[in-house]
Amino acid sequence: MSHAPAVGMPGVPRLVPILNPLIKRFLRVGLPFGPNVLMTVRGRSSGQPHTFPVAILELGGRRYVQSPFGEVNWVRNLRAAGEAVVTKGRDQEEVEAIEVPPDAAGRLLHDALAPFVRSMLSRPLVRWLFGLGRESTLEDYVEGARRHPMFELRARRAGG
């Protein structure tokens, strides 16, 4: 599996690096911000911790994090580290991160985005970020998952 940026990715919008510090502050003090949490991952080169906001997808009793902007640094760091700390308000949890293969991630992405694709308000955002719409097939979702890595987050067991 290639770890190079996907061709044709829109990249991170210029507004995201401006808003992320503000969102991080909100989340650090415990203000609710939808499904967003803070994730801290050790840098793959520096070994230093990096903290950033991500949205948690909860599907079928499991938790996932998925990159709306493709192969960005946090994805590469999480892939290399295989673990992270998730912080919501004052609660912190150590998790292991298991990358979901595109075939499985495509089905999960379909289930997660279905309500948004049906909504006239959010449909343009889904189309812009993922290139998906009401007419998209499961194979389109699998292709979307290839461009937008997904990880399952599992609580780390004590001593392991």
C-alpha atoms as a PDB file:
ATOM      1  CA  MET A   1       0.000   0.000   0.000  1.00  0.00           C
ATOM      2  CA  SER A   2       1.410   3.358  -1.010  1.00  0.00           C
ATOM      3  CA  HIS A   3       1.822   6.050   1.593  1.00  0.00           C
ATOM      4  CA  ALA A   4       2.207   8.862  -0.953  1.00  0.00           C
ATOM      5  CA  PRO A   5      -0.477  11.548  -1.194  1.00  0.00           C
ATOM      6  CA  ALA A   6      -3.386  10.508  -3.355  1.00  0.00           C
ATOM      7  CA  VAL A   7      -3.546  12.086  -6.780  1.00  0.00           C
ATOM      8  CA  GLY A   8      -6.336  14.608  -7.204  1.00  0.00           C
ATOM      9  CA  MET A   9      -6.787  15.319  -3.484  1.00  0.00           C
ATOM     10  CA  PRO A  10      -8.115  18.779  -2.788  1.00  0.00           C
ATOM     11  CA  GLY A  11      -5.570  19.228   0.009  1.00  0.00           C
ATOM     12  CA  VAL A  12      -6.204  20.860   3.318  1.00  0.00           C
ATOM     13  CA  PRO A  13      -8.247  24.045   2.899  1.00  0.00           C
ATOM     14  CA  ARG A  14      -6.424  27.190   3.997  1.00  0.00           C
ATOM     15  CA  LEU A  15      -9.040  27.811   6.678  1.00  0.00           C
ATOM     16  CA  VAL A  16      -8.274  24.552   8.539  1.00  0.00           C
ATOM     17  CA  PRO A  17      -4.815  25.582   9.917  1.00  0.00           C
ATOM     18  CA  ILE A  18      -6.398  28.855  11.028  1.00  0.00           C
ATOM     19  CA  LEU A  19      -9.394  27.227  12.754  1.00  0.00           C
ATOM     20  CA  ASN A  20      -7.611  24.225  14.293  1.00  0.00           C
ATOM     21  CA  PRO A  21      -5.916  26.217  17.110  1.00  0.00           C
ATOM     22  CA  LEU A  22      -9.286  27.733  18.054  1.00  0.00           C
ATOM     23  CA  ILE A  23     -11.028  24.353  17.960  1.00  0.00           C
ATOM     24  CA  LYS A  24      -8.185  22.861  20.042  1.00  0.00           C
ATOM     25  CA  ARG A  25      -8.734  25.546  22.701  1.00  0.00           C
ATOM     26  CA  PHE A  26     -12.476  24.850  22.803  1.00  0.00           C
ATOM     27  CA  LEU A  27     -11.879  21.131  23.161  1.00  0.00           C
ATOM     28  CA  ARG A  28      -9.131  21.557  25.797  1.00  0.00           C
ATOM     29  CA  VAL A  29     -11.487  23.457  28.100  1.00  0.00           C
ATOM     30  CA  GLY A  30     -14.235  20.874  27.571  1.00  0.00           C
ATOM     31  CA  LEU A  31     -16.596  22.795  25.299  1.00  0.00           C
ATOM     32  CA  PRO A  32     -18.619  20.399  23.179  1.00  0.00           C
ATOM     33  CA  PHE A  33     -17.775  20.562  19.506  1.00  0.00           C
ATOM     34  CA  GLY A  34     -19.844  17.825  17.902  1.00  0.00           C
ATOM     35  CA  PRO A  35     -18.060  14.504  17.461  1.00  0.00           C
ATOM     36  CA  ASN A  36     -14.667  16.216  17.724  1.00  0.00           C
ATOM     37  CA  VAL A  37     -11.981  15.210  20.201  1.00  0.00           C
ATOM     38  CA  LEU A  38      -8.292  15.930  20.539  1.00  0.00           C
ATOM     39  CA  MET A  39      -5.912  13.244  19.400  1.00  0.00           C
ATOM     40  CA  THR A  40      -2.256  13.225  20.390  1.00  0.00           C
ATOM     41  CA  VAL A  41       0.137  11.162  18.304  1.00  0.00           C
ATOM     42  CA  ARG A  42       3.899  10.772  18.488  1.00  0.00           C
ATOM     43  CA  GLY A  43       5.639  12.222  15.423  1.00  0.00           C
ATOM     44  CA  ARG A  44       7.138   9.590  13.150  1.00  0.00           C
ATOM     45  CA  SER A  45      10.416  11.518  12.736  1.00  0.00           C
ATOM     46  CA  SER A  46      10.696  13.785  15.765  1.00  0.00           C
ATOM     47  CA  GLY A  47       9.100  11.495  18.344  1.00  0.00           C
ATOM     48  CA  GLN A  48       7.421  14.609  19.750  1.00  0.00           C
ATOM     49  CA  PRO A  49       3.697  14.568  20.571  1.00  0.00           C
ATOM     50  CA  HIS A  50       1.383  16.359  18.117  1.00  0.00           C
ATOM     51  CA  THR A  51      -2.198  17.214  19.107  1.00  0.00           C
ATOM     52  CA  PHE A  52      -4.980  18.000  16.659  1.00  0.00           C
ATOM     53  CA  PRO A  53      -8.781  17.881  16.509  1.00  0.00           C
ATOM     54  CA  VAL A  54     -10.449  14.953  14.754  1.00  0.00           C
ATOM     55  CA  ALA A  55     -14.020  13.739  14.459  1.00  0.00           C
ATOM     56  CA  ILE A  56     -14.822  10.325  15.890  1.00  0.00           C
ATOM     57  CA  LEU A  57     -17.213   8.124  13.914  1.00  0.00           C
ATOM     58  CA  GLU A  58     -19.156   5.672  16.057  1.00  0.00           C
ATOM     59  CA  LEU A  59     -20.565   2.785  14.038  1.00  0.00           C
ATOM     60  CA  GLY A  60     -21.749  -0.569  15.308  1.00  0.00           C
ATOM     61  CA  GLY A  61     -20.303  -0.001  18.772  1.00  0.00           C
ATOM     62  CA  ARG A  62     -16.848   0.742  17.375  1.00  0.00           C
ATOM     63  CA  ARG A  63     -14.956   4.009  17.021  1.00  0.00           C
ATOM     64  CA  TYR A  64     -13.180   5.248  13.934  1.00  0.00           C
ATOM     65  CA  VAL A  65     -11.241   8.277  12.836  1.00  0.00           C
ATOM     66  CA  GLN A  66     -11.033   9.111   9.160  1.00  0.00           C
ATOM     67  CA  SER A  67      -9.089  11.758   7.295  1.00  0.00           C
ATOM     68  CA  PRO A  68     -11.280  14.079   5.224  1.00  0.00           C
ATOM     69  CA  PHE A  69      -8.118  15.524   3.641  1.00  0.00           C
ATOM     70  CA  GLY A  70      -6.310  12.337   2.668  1.00  0.00           C
ATOM     71  CA  GLU A  71      -2.710  11.432   3.455  1.00  0.00           C
ATOM     72  CA  VAL A  72      -1.951  14.299   5.830  1.00  0.00           C
ATOM     73  CA  ASN A  73       0.755  14.290   8.506  1.00  0.00           C
ATOM     74  CA  TRP A  74      -1.468  13.055  11.333  1.00  0.00           C
ATOM     75  CA  VAL A  75      -2.378  10.022   9.196  1.00  0.00           C
ATOM     76  CA  ARG A  76       1.282   9.217   8.561  1.00  0.00           C
ATOM     77  CA  ASN A  77       2.115   9.713  12.237  1.00  0.00           C
ATOM     78  CA  LEU A  78      -0.794   7.570  13.436  1.00  0.00           C
ATOM     79  CA  ARG A  79       0.083   4.851  10.930  1.00  0.00           C
ATOM     80  CA  ALA A  80       3.697   4.831  12.178  1.00  0.00           C
ATOM     81  CA  ALA A  81       2.869   5.046  15.897  1.00  0.00           C
ATOM     82  CA  GLY A  82      -0.108   2.685  15.906  1.00  0.00           C
ATOM     83  CA  GLU A  83      -1.369   4.376  19.053  1.00  0.00           C
ATOM     84  CA  ALA A  84      -2.637   7.709  20.310  1.00  0.00           C
ATOM     85  CA  VAL A  85      -4.241   9.489  23.234  1.00  0.00           C
ATOM     86  CA  VAL A  86      -7.796  10.685  22.742  1.00  0.00           C
ATOM     87  CA  THR A  87      -8.893  13.582  24.945  1.00  0.00           C
ATOM     88  CA  LYS A  88     -12.459  14.765  25.446  1.00  0.00           C
ATOM     89  CA  GLY A  89     -12.737  17.450  28.102  1.00  0.00           C
ATOM     90  CA  ARG A  90     -10.794  16.143  31.084  1.00  0.00           C
ATOM     91  CA  ASP A  91     -11.053  12.518  30.035  1.00  0.00           C
ATOM     92  CA  GLN A  92      -8.049  10.917  28.352  1.00  0.00           C
ATOM     93  CA  GLU A  93      -7.871   7.465  26.862  1.00  0.00           C
ATOM     94  CA  GLU A  94      -4.953   5.593  25.351  1.00  0.00           C
ATOM     95  CA  VAL A  95      -6.003   3.852  22.163  1.00  0.00           C
ATOM     96  CA  GLU A  96      -4.433   1.628  19.594  1.00  0.00           C
ATOM     97  CA  ALA A  97      -5.120   2.577  15.989  1.00  0.00           C
ATOM     98  CA  ILE A  98      -5.663  -0.116  13.407  1.00  0.00           C
ATOM     99  CA  GLU A  99      -5.867   1.010   9.792  1.00  0.00           C
ATOM    100  CA  VAL A 100      -9.028  -0.255   8.123  1.00  0.00           C
ATOM    101  CA  PRO A 101      -8.499  -1.767   4.637  1.00  0.00           C
ATOM    102  CA  PRO A 102     -10.250   0.227   1.872  1.00  0.00           C
ATOM    103  CA  ASP A 103     -12.879  -2.464   1.139  1.00  0.00           C
ATOM    104  CA  ALA A 104     -14.090  -2.466   4.748  1.00  0.00           C
ATOM    105  CA  ALA A 105     -13.568   1.282   5.133  1.00  0.00           C
ATOM    106  CA  GLY A 106     -15.691   1.904   2.021  1.00  0.00           C
ATOM    107  CA  ARG A 107     -18.653   0.118   3.591  1.00  0.00           C
ATOM    108  CA  LEU A 108     -18.142   2.026   6.850  1.00  0.00           C
ATOM    109  CA  LEU A 109     -17.818   5.314   4.974  1.00  0.00           C
ATOM    110  CA  HIS A 110     -21.073   4.541   3.154  1.00  0.00           C
ATOM    111  CA  ASP A 111     -22.878   3.940   6.461  1.00  0.00           C
ATOM    112  CA  ALA A 112     -21.341   7.014   8.119  1.00  0.00           C
ATOM    113  CA  LEU A 113     -22.056   9.395   5.231  1.00  0.00           C
ATOM    114  CA  ALA A 114     -25.521   8.086   4.268  1.00  0.00           C
ATOM    115  CA  PRO A 115     -27.440  10.628   6.401  1.00  0.00           C
ATOM    116  CA  PHE A 116     -25.292  13.480   5.077  1.00  0.00           C
ATOM    117  CA  VAL A 117     -25.658  12.422   1.446  1.00  0.00           C
ATOM    118  CA  ARG A 118     -29.459  12.444   1.878  1.00  0.00           C
ATOM    119  CA  SER A 119     -29.436  15.970   3.319  1.00  0.00           C
ATOM    120  CA  MET A 120     -29.608  18.852   0.849  1.00  0.00           C
ATOM    121  CA  LEU A 121     -27.598  20.967   3.315  1.00  0.00           C
ATOM    122  CA  SER A 122     -24.661  18.620   3.820  1.00  0.00           C
ATOM    123  CA  ARG A 123     -24.621  16.894   0.409  1.00  0.00           C
ATOM    124  CA  PRO A 124     -22.383  19.583  -1.190  1.00  0.00           C
ATOM    125  CA  LEU A 125     -19.827  19.168   1.620  1.00  0.00           C
ATOM    126  CA  VAL A 126     -19.735  15.388   1.121  1.00  0.00           C
ATOM    127  CA  ARG A 127     -19.346  15.897  -2.629  1.00  0.00           C
ATOM    128  CA  TRP A 128     -16.522  18.432  -2.083  1.00  0.00           C
ATOM    129  CA  LEU A 129     -14.591  16.391   0.499  1.00  0.00           C
ATOM    130  CA  PHE A 130     -15.171  12.872  -0.808  1.00  0.00           C
ATOM    131  CA  GLY A 131     -16.536  13.233  -4.336  1.00  0.00           C
ATOM    132  CA  LEU A 132     -19.553  11.162  -3.293  1.00  0.00           C
ATOM    133  CA  GLY A 133     -23.270  11.712  -3.775  1.00  0.00           C
ATOM    134  CA  ARG A 134     -26.639   9.978  -3.831  1.00  0.00           C
ATOM    135  CA  GLU A 135     -25.759   8.181  -7.065  1.00  0.00           C
ATOM    136  CA  SER A 136     -22.448   6.808  -5.716  1.00  0.00           C
ATOM    137  CA  THR A 137     -21.949   3.050  -5.711  1.00  0.00           C
ATOM    138  CA  LEU A 138     -20.237   0.980  -3.043  1.00  0.00           C
ATOM    139  CA  GLU A 139     -17.168   0.869  -5.307  1.00  0.00           C
ATOM    140  CA  ASP A 140     -17.161   4.692  -5.315  1.00  0.00           C
ATOM    141  CA  TYR A 141     -17.083   4.579  -1.507  1.00  0.00           C
ATOM    142  CA  VAL A 142     -14.215   2.069  -1.585  1.00  0.00           C
ATOM    143  CA  GLU A 143     -12.314   4.413  -3.920  1.00  0.00           C
ATOM    144  CA  GLY A 144     -13.085   7.262  -1.508  1.00  0.00           C
ATOM    145  CA  ALA A 145     -11.702   5.165   1.345  1.00  0.00           C
ATOM    146  CA  ARG A 146      -8.481   4.636  -0.620  1.00  0.00           C
ATOM    147  CA  ARG A 147      -8.039   8.423  -0.709  1.00  0.00           C
ATOM    148  CA  HIS A 148      -9.225   9.037   2.881  1.00  0.00           C
ATOM    149  CA  PRO A 149      -7.517   6.640   5.321  1.00  0.00           C
ATOM    150  CA  MET A 150      -9.583   5.326   8.218  1.00  0.00           C
ATOM    151  CA  PHE A 151      -8.444   3.850  11.527  1.00  0.00           C
ATOM    152  CA  GLU A 152     -10.361   1.916  14.138  1.00  0.00           C
ATOM    153  CA  LEU A 153      -9.588   3.131  17.654  1.00  0.00           C
ATOM    154  CA  ARG A 154      -9.538   0.502  20.373  1.00  0.00           C
ATOM    155  CA  ALA A 155      -8.974   1.109  24.065  1.00  0.00           C
ATOM    156  CA  ARG A 156      -5.519  -0.034  25.131  1.00  0.00           C
ATOM    157  CA  ARG A 157      -5.596  -2.748  27.735  1.00  0.00           C
ATOM    158  CA  ALA A 158      -3.588  -2.272  30.907  1.00  0.00           C
ATOM    159  CA  GLY A 159      -0.095  -3.701  30.506  1.00  0.00           C
ATOM    160  CA  GLY A 160      -0.366  -3.987  26.736  1.00  0.00           C
END
